[in-house]
Amino acid sequence: MKTCALILGLLLLGGCGTIENLHLGPSIYGGVRQDVEWMGGQCMAGLGFLDFPFSLVLDTVLLPVTVAFALTK
């Protein structure tokens, strides 16, 4: 039970790039791209580095949605 709560908590804390991508209009692997941009800047470099694996997983899970959105543009 504690393990499930820990995993859920980590998932809720991660994926900021993906959430930003969905808010701006989904693009394919846009969360990963957002994290790479953050890592390029000095202020958000730590956030991008920590968020990257979570955004990679969430972008992959949401890939059918972002592909469908990209095809309808």
PDB file of N, CA and C in Angstrom:
ATOM      1  N   MET A   1       0.823  -1.205   0.000  1.00  0.00           N
ATOM      2  CA  MET A   1       0.000   0.000   0.000  1.00  0.00           C
ATOM      3  C   MET A   1       0.863   1.265   0.000  1.00  0.00           C
ATOM      4  N   LYS A   2       1.925   1.268   0.829  1.00  0.00           N
ATOM      5  CA  LYS A   2       2.802   2.437   0.874  1.00  0.00           C
ATOM      6  C   LYS A   2       3.536   2.623  -0.440  1.00  0.00           C
ATOM      7  N   THR A   3       3.880   1.506  -1.084  1.00  0.00           N
ATOM      8  CA  THR A   3       4.578   1.584  -2.364  1.00  0.00           C
ATOM      9  C   THR A   3       3.693   2.223  -3.424  1.00  0.00           C
ATOM     10  N   CYS A   4       2.425   1.850  -3.447  1.00  0.00           N
ATOM     11  CA  CYS A   4       1.481   2.437  -4.418  1.00  0.00           C
ATOM     12  C   CYS A   4       1.338   3.934  -4.187  1.00  0.00           C
ATOM     13  N   ALA A   5       1.259   4.341  -2.929  1.00  0.00           N
ATOM     14  CA  ALA A   5       1.130   5.759  -2.609  1.00  0.00           C
ATOM     15  C   ALA A   5       2.381   6.525  -3.029  1.00  0.00           C
ATOM     16  N   LEU A   6       3.552   5.922  -2.834  1.00  0.00           N
ATOM     17  CA  LEU A   6       4.799   6.557  -3.233  1.00  0.00           C
ATOM     18  C   LEU A   6       4.881   6.718  -4.752  1.00  0.00           C
ATOM     19  N   ILE A   7       4.521   5.677  -5.471  1.00  0.00           N
ATOM     20  CA  ILE A   7       4.550   5.733  -6.937  1.00  0.00           C
ATOM     21  C   ILE A   7       3.565   6.779  -7.449  1.00  0.00           C
ATOM     22  N   LEU A   8       2.371   6.814  -6.892  1.00  0.00           N
ATOM     23  CA  LEU A   8       1.377   7.804  -7.304  1.00  0.00           C
ATOM     24  C   LEU A   8       1.871   9.218  -7.015  1.00  0.00           C
ATOM     25  N   GLY A   9       2.472   9.405  -5.853  1.00  0.00           N
ATOM     26  CA  GLY A   9       3.008  10.719  -5.511  1.00  0.00           C
ATOM     27  C   GLY A   9       4.099  11.166  -6.463  1.00  0.00           C
ATOM     28  N   LEU A  10       4.998  10.244  -6.835  1.00  0.00           N
ATOM     29  CA  LEU A  10       6.055  10.584  -7.778  1.00  0.00           C
ATOM     30  C   LEU A  10       5.490  10.921  -9.152  1.00  0.00           C
ATOM     31  N   LEU A  11       4.476  10.197  -9.576  1.00  0.00           N
ATOM     32  CA  LEU A  11       3.854  10.491 -10.869  1.00  0.00           C
ATOM     33  C   LEU A  11       3.173  11.848 -10.872  1.00  0.00           C
ATOM     34  N   LEU A  12       2.578  12.222  -9.750  1.00  0.00           N
ATOM     35  CA  LEU A  12       1.913  13.518  -9.677  1.00  0.00           C
ATOM     36  C   LEU A  12       2.912  14.667  -9.643  1.00  0.00           C
ATOM     37  N   LEU A  13       4.101  14.411  -9.102  1.00  0.00           N
ATOM     38  CA  LEU A  13       5.116  15.453  -9.038  1.00  0.00           C
ATOM     39  C   LEU A  13       5.857  15.618 -10.359  1.00  0.00           C
ATOM     40  N   GLY A  14       5.899  14.566 -11.147  1.00  0.00           N
ATOM     41  CA  GLY A  14       6.661  14.609 -12.392  1.00  0.00           C
ATOM     42  C   GLY A  14       5.783  14.905 -13.588  1.00  0.00           C
ATOM     43  N   GLY A  15       6.430  15.117 -14.707  1.00  0.00           N
ATOM     44  CA  GLY A  15       5.707  15.332 -15.946  1.00  0.00           C
ATOM     45  C   GLY A  15       5.275  16.760 -16.169  1.00  0.00           C
ATOM     46  N   CYS A  16       5.960  17.705 -15.547  1.00  0.00           N
ATOM     47  CA  CYS A  16       5.578  19.116 -15.704  1.00  0.00           C
ATOM     48  C   CYS A  16       5.671  19.561 -17.163  1.00  0.00           C
ATOM     49  N   GLY A  17       6.679  19.070 -17.872  1.00  0.00           N
ATOM     50  CA  GLY A  17       6.813  19.416 -19.285  1.00  0.00           C
ATOM     51  C   GLY A  17       5.632  18.926 -20.096  1.00  0.00           C
ATOM     52  N   THR A  18       5.157  17.731 -19.790  1.00  0.00           N
ATOM     53  CA  THR A  18       4.010  17.169 -20.499  1.00  0.00           C
ATOM     54  C   THR A  18       2.742  17.954 -20.179  1.00  0.00           C
ATOM     55  N   ILE A  19       2.567  18.312 -18.929  1.00  0.00           N
ATOM     56  CA  ILE A  19       1.388  19.089 -18.539  1.00  0.00           C
ATOM     57  C   ILE A  19       1.410  20.444 -19.240  1.00  0.00           C
ATOM     58  N   GLU A  20       2.580  21.060 -19.293  1.00  0.00           N
ATOM     59  CA  GLU A  20       2.720  22.334 -20.013  1.00  0.00           C
ATOM     60  C   GLU A  20       2.397  22.144 -21.495  1.00  0.00           C
ATOM     61  N   ASN A  21       2.855  21.048 -22.074  1.00  0.00           N
ATOM     62  CA  ASN A  21       2.596  20.743 -23.479  1.00  0.00           C
ATOM     63  C   ASN A  21       1.100  20.596 -23.739  1.00  0.00           C
ATOM     64  N   LEU A  22       0.403  19.900 -22.867  1.00  0.00           N
ATOM     65  CA  LEU A  22      -1.039  19.717 -23.042  1.00  0.00           C
ATOM     66  C   LEU A  22      -1.782  21.033 -22.905  1.00  0.00           C
ATOM     67  N   HIS A  23      -1.305  21.891 -22.036  1.00  0.00           N
ATOM     68  CA  HIS A  23      -1.944  23.187 -21.821  1.00  0.00           C
ATOM     69  C   HIS A  23      -1.771  24.099 -23.035  1.00  0.00           C
ATOM     70  N   LEU A  24      -0.601  24.045 -23.661  1.00  0.00           N
ATOM     71  CA  LEU A  24      -0.318  24.927 -24.800  1.00  0.00           C
ATOM     72  C   LEU A  24      -0.886  24.417 -26.107  1.00  0.00           C
ATOM     73  N   GLY A  25      -1.289  23.167 -26.145  1.00  0.00           N
ATOM     74  CA  GLY A  25      -1.744  22.528 -27.385  1.00  0.00           C
ATOM     75  C   GLY A  25      -0.803  21.380 -27.653  1.00  0.00           C
ATOM     76  N   PRO A  26      -1.299  20.163 -27.520  1.00  0.00           N
ATOM     77  CA  PRO A  26      -0.398  19.009 -27.535  1.00  0.00           C
ATOM     78  C   PRO A  26       0.391  18.859 -28.834  1.00  0.00           C
ATOM     79  N   SER A  27       1.659  18.584 -28.662  1.00  0.00           N
ATOM     80  CA  SER A  27       2.513  18.225 -29.786  1.00  0.00           C
ATOM     81  C   SER A  27       3.219  16.924 -29.419  1.00  0.00           C
ATOM     82  N   ILE A  28       3.652  16.195 -30.421  1.00  0.00           N
ATOM     83  CA  ILE A  28       4.257  14.886 -30.194  1.00  0.00           C
ATOM     84  C   ILE A  28       5.554  15.065 -29.416  1.00  0.00           C
ATOM     85  N   TYR A  29       5.636  14.393 -28.276  1.00  0.00           N
ATOM     86  CA  TYR A  29       6.763  14.488 -27.339  1.00  0.00           C
ATOM     87  C   TYR A  29       7.101  15.933 -26.991  1.00  0.00           C
ATOM     88  N   GLY A  30       6.086  16.756 -26.867  1.00  0.00           N
ATOM     89  CA  GLY A  30       6.277  18.160 -26.513  1.00  0.00           C
ATOM     90  C   GLY A  30       6.765  18.357 -25.094  1.00  0.00           C
ATOM     91  N   GLY A  31       6.400  17.447 -24.185  1.00  0.00           N
ATOM     92  CA  GLY A  31       6.883  17.549 -22.808  1.00  0.00           C
ATOM     93  C   GLY A  31       8.377  17.322 -22.726  1.00  0.00           C
ATOM     94  N   VAL A  32       8.871  16.369 -23.489  1.00  0.00           N
ATOM     95  CA  VAL A  32      10.310  16.104 -23.532  1.00  0.00           C
ATOM     96  C   VAL A  32      11.026  17.310 -24.139  1.00  0.00           C
ATOM     97  N   ARG A  33      10.461  17.861 -25.190  1.00  0.00           N
ATOM     98  CA  ARG A  33      11.067  19.051 -25.806  1.00  0.00           C
ATOM     99  C   ARG A  33      11.100  20.218 -24.827  1.00  0.00           C
ATOM    100  N   GLN A  34      10.020  20.361 -24.068  1.00  0.00           N
ATOM    101  CA  GLN A  34       9.962  21.437 -23.072  1.00  0.00           C
ATOM    102  C   GLN A  34      11.059  21.251 -22.024  1.00  0.00           C
ATOM    103  N   ASP A  35      11.258  20.019 -21.580  1.00  0.00           N
ATOM    104  CA  ASP A  35      12.304  19.752 -20.592  1.00  0.00           C
ATOM    105  C   ASP A  35      13.689  20.038 -21.145  1.00  0.00           C
ATOM    106  N   VAL A  36      13.926  19.706 -22.413  1.00  0.00           N
ATOM    107  CA  VAL A  36      15.221  19.981 -23.034  1.00  0.00           C
ATOM    108  C   VAL A  36      15.450  21.489 -23.097  1.00  0.00           C
ATOM    109  N   GLU A  37      14.409  22.250 -23.404  1.00  0.00           N
ATOM    110  CA  GLU A  37      14.533  23.712 -23.395  1.00  0.00           C
ATOM    111  C   GLU A  37      14.856  24.214 -22.004  1.00  0.00           C
ATOM    112  N   TRP A  38      14.188  23.657 -20.985  1.00  0.00           N
ATOM    113  CA  TRP A  38      14.461  24.052 -19.600  1.00  0.00           C
ATOM    114  C   TRP A  38      15.891  23.723 -19.202  1.00  0.00           C
ATOM    115  N   MET A  39      16.401  22.575 -19.673  1.00  0.00           N
ATOM    116  CA  MET A  39      17.771  22.190 -19.332  1.00  0.00           C
ATOM    117  C   MET A  39      18.786  23.120 -19.997  1.00  0.00           C
ATOM    118  N   GLY A  40      18.411  23.745 -21.094  1.00  0.00           N
ATOM    119  CA  GLY A  40      19.303  24.677 -21.773  1.00  0.00           C
ATOM    120  C   GLY A  40      19.457  25.988 -21.028  1.00  0.00           C
ATOM    121  N   GLY A  41      18.436  26.370 -20.264  1.00  0.00           N
ATOM    122  CA  GLY A  41      18.508  27.599 -19.483  1.00  0.00           C
ATOM    123  C   GLY A  41      19.109  27.331 -18.112  1.00  0.00           C
ATOM    124  N   GLN A  42      19.684  28.341 -17.513  1.00  0.00           N
ATOM    125  CA  GLN A  42      20.338  28.158 -16.224  1.00  0.00           C
ATOM    126  C   GLN A  42      19.338  28.069 -15.075  1.00  0.00           C
ATOM    127  N   CYS A  43      18.267  28.822 -15.141  1.00  0.00           N
ATOM    128  CA  CYS A  43      17.323  28.909 -14.029  1.00  0.00           C
ATOM    129  C   CYS A  43      16.556  27.603 -13.825  1.00  0.00           C
ATOM    130  N   MET A  44      16.091  26.988 -14.907  1.00  0.00           N
ATOM    131  CA  MET A  44      15.236  25.806 -14.805  1.00  0.00           C
ATOM    132  C   MET A  44      15.981  24.510 -15.114  1.00  0.00           C
ATOM    133  N   ALA A  45      17.307  24.528 -15.169  1.00  0.00           N
ATOM    134  CA  ALA A  45      18.069  23.349 -15.577  1.00  0.00           C
ATOM    135  C   ALA A  45      17.789  22.154 -14.674  1.00  0.00           C
ATOM    136  N   GLY A  46      17.732  22.369 -13.371  1.00  0.00           N
ATOM    137  CA  GLY A  46      17.479  21.271 -12.440  1.00  0.00           C
ATOM    138  C   GLY A  46      16.100  20.676 -12.623  1.00  0.00           C
ATOM    139  N   LEU A  47      15.113  21.514 -12.833  1.00  0.00           N
ATOM    140  CA  LEU A  47      13.748  21.032 -13.031  1.00  0.00           C
ATOM    141  C   LEU A  47      13.649  20.187 -14.290  1.00  0.00           C
ATOM    142  N   GLY A  48      14.244  20.631 -15.371  1.00  0.00           N
ATOM    143  CA  GLY A  48      14.205  19.871 -16.620  1.00  0.00           C
ATOM    144  C   GLY A  48      14.880  18.526 -16.482  1.00  0.00           C
ATOM    145  N   PHE A  49      16.017  18.486 -15.795  1.00  0.00           N
ATOM    146  CA  PHE A  49      16.753  17.238 -15.610  1.00  0.00           C
ATOM    147  C   PHE A  49      15.954  16.245 -14.771  1.00  0.00           C
ATOM    148  N   LEU A  50      15.311  16.725 -13.718  1.00  0.00           N
ATOM    149  CA  LEU A  50      14.526  15.847 -12.850  1.00  0.00           C
ATOM    150  C   LEU A  50      13.218  15.423 -13.501  1.00  0.00           C
ATOM    151  N   ASP A  51      12.645  16.289 -14.290  1.00  0.00           N
ATOM    152  CA  ASP A  51      11.339  16.035 -14.888  1.00  0.00           C
ATOM    153  C   ASP A  51      11.418  15.186 -16.156  1.00  0.00           C
ATOM    154  N   PHE A  52      12.576  15.146 -16.806  1.00  0.00           N
ATOM    155  CA  PHE A  52      12.727  14.486 -18.096  1.00  0.00           C
ATOM    156  C   PHE A  52      12.202  13.049 -18.120  1.00  0.00           C
ATOM    157  N   PRO A  53      12.587  12.164 -17.186  1.00  0.00           N
ATOM    158  CA  PRO A  53      12.087  10.780 -17.272  1.00  0.00           C
ATOM    159  C   PRO A  53      10.568  10.690 -17.122  1.00  0.00           C
ATOM    160  N   PHE A  54      10.003  11.518 -16.268  1.00  0.00           N
ATOM    161  CA  PHE A  54       8.554  11.497 -16.073  1.00  0.00           C
ATOM    162  C   PHE A  54       7.829  11.984 -17.329  1.00  0.00           C
ATOM    163  N   SER A  55       8.354  13.042 -17.937  1.00  0.00           N
ATOM    164  CA  SER A  55       7.739  13.547 -19.164  1.00  0.00           C
ATOM    165  C   SER A  55       7.875  12.543 -20.296  1.00  0.00           C
ATOM    166  N   LEU A  56       8.992  11.828 -20.344  1.00  0.00           N
ATOM    167  CA  LEU A  56       9.185  10.813 -21.374  1.00  0.00           C
ATOM    168  C   LEU A  56       8.124   9.724 -21.257  1.00  0.00           C
ATOM    169  N   VAL A  57       7.863   9.272 -20.042  1.00  0.00           N
ATOM    170  CA  VAL A  57       6.848   8.232 -19.826  1.00  0.00           C
ATOM    171  C   VAL A  57       5.460   8.771 -20.140  1.00  0.00           C
ATOM    172  N   LEU A  58       5.130   9.947 -19.626  1.00  0.00           N
ATOM    173  CA  LEU A  58       3.793  10.509 -19.866  1.00  0.00           C
ATOM    174  C   LEU A  58       3.577  10.850 -21.338  1.00  0.00           C
ATOM    175  N   ASP A  59       4.599  11.367 -22.005  1.00  0.00           N
ATOM    176  CA  ASP A  59       4.466  11.646 -23.441  1.00  0.00           C
ATOM    177  C   ASP A  59       4.232  10.366 -24.225  1.00  0.00           C
ATOM    178  N   THR A  60       4.878   9.277 -23.812  1.00  0.00           N
ATOM    179  CA  THR A  60       4.681   7.993 -24.496  1.00  0.00           C
ATOM    180  C   THR A  60       3.273   7.467 -24.256  1.00  0.00           C
ATOM    181  N   VAL A  61       2.781   7.583 -23.031  1.00  0.00           N
ATOM    182  CA  VAL A  61       1.422   7.130 -22.719  1.00  0.00           C
ATOM    183  C   VAL A  61       0.397   7.955 -23.493  1.00  0.00           C
ATOM    184  N   LEU A  62       0.647   9.249 -23.624  1.00  0.00           N
ATOM    185  CA  LEU A  62      -0.292  10.147 -24.305  1.00  0.00           C
ATOM    186  C   LEU A  62      -0.045  10.248 -25.808  1.00  0.00           C
ATOM    187  N   LEU A  63       0.861   9.447 -26.326  1.00  0.00           N
ATOM    188  CA  LEU A  63       1.199   9.509 -27.749  1.00  0.00           C
ATOM    189  C   LEU A  63      -0.013   9.356 -28.668  1.00  0.00           C
ATOM    190  N   PRO A  64      -0.949   8.426 -28.415  1.00  0.00           N
ATOM    191  CA  PRO A  64      -2.126   8.345 -29.305  1.00  0.00           C
ATOM    192  C   PRO A  64      -2.925   9.651 -29.349  1.00  0.00           C
ATOM    193  N   VAL A  65      -3.012  10.339 -28.245  1.00  0.00           N
ATOM    194  CA  VAL A  65      -3.762  11.601 -28.196  1.00  0.00           C
ATOM    195  C   VAL A  65      -3.025  12.682 -28.979  1.00  0.00           C
ATOM    196  N   THR A  66      -1.714  12.788 -28.754  1.00  0.00           N
ATOM    197  CA  THR A  66      -0.967  13.849 -29.426  1.00  0.00           C
ATOM    198  C   THR A  66      -0.842  13.592 -30.931  1.00  0.00           C
ATOM    199  N   VAL A  67      -0.751  12.330 -31.336  1.00  0.00           N
ATOM    200  CA  VAL A  67      -0.710  12.012 -32.773  1.00  0.00           C
ATOM    201  C   VAL A  67      -2.045  12.374 -33.416  1.00  0.00           C
ATOM    202  N   ALA A  68      -3.149  12.016 -32.763  1.00  0.00           N
ATOM    203  CA  ALA A  68      -4.476  12.357 -33.290  1.00  0.00           C
ATOM    204  C   ALA A  68      -4.641  13.866 -33.395  1.00  0.00           C
ATOM    205  N   PHE A  69      -4.178  14.586 -32.387  1.00  0.00           N
ATOM    206  CA  PHE A  69      -4.266  16.046 -32.415  1.00  0.00           C
ATOM    207  C   PHE A  69      -3.431  16.621 -33.553  1.00  0.00           C
ATOM    208  N   ALA A  70      -2.216  16.055 -33.749  1.00  0.00           N
ATOM    209  CA  ALA A  70      -1.331  16.549 -34.815  1.00  0.00           C
ATOM    210  C   ALA A  70      -1.924  16.265 -36.199  1.00  0.00           C
ATOM    211  N   LEU A  71      -2.609  15.143 -36.355  1.00  0.00           N
ATOM    212  CA  LEU A  71      -3.192  14.806 -37.644  1.00  0.00           C
ATOM    213  C   LEU A  71      -4.398  15.672 -37.985  1.00  0.00           C
ATOM    214  N   THR A  72      -5.080  16.189 -36.979  1.00  0.00           N
ATOM    215  CA  THR A  72      -6.259  17.019 -37.231  1.00  0.00           C
ATOM    216  C   THR A  72      -5.920  18.477 -37.443  1.00  0.00           C
ATOM    217  N   LYS A  73      -4.674  18.862 -37.244  1.00  0.00           N
ATOM    218  CA  LYS A  73      -4.285  20.263 -37.450  1.00  0.00           C
ATOM    219  C   LYS A  73      -4.283  20.598 -38.913  1.00  0.00           C
TER     220      LYS A  73
END
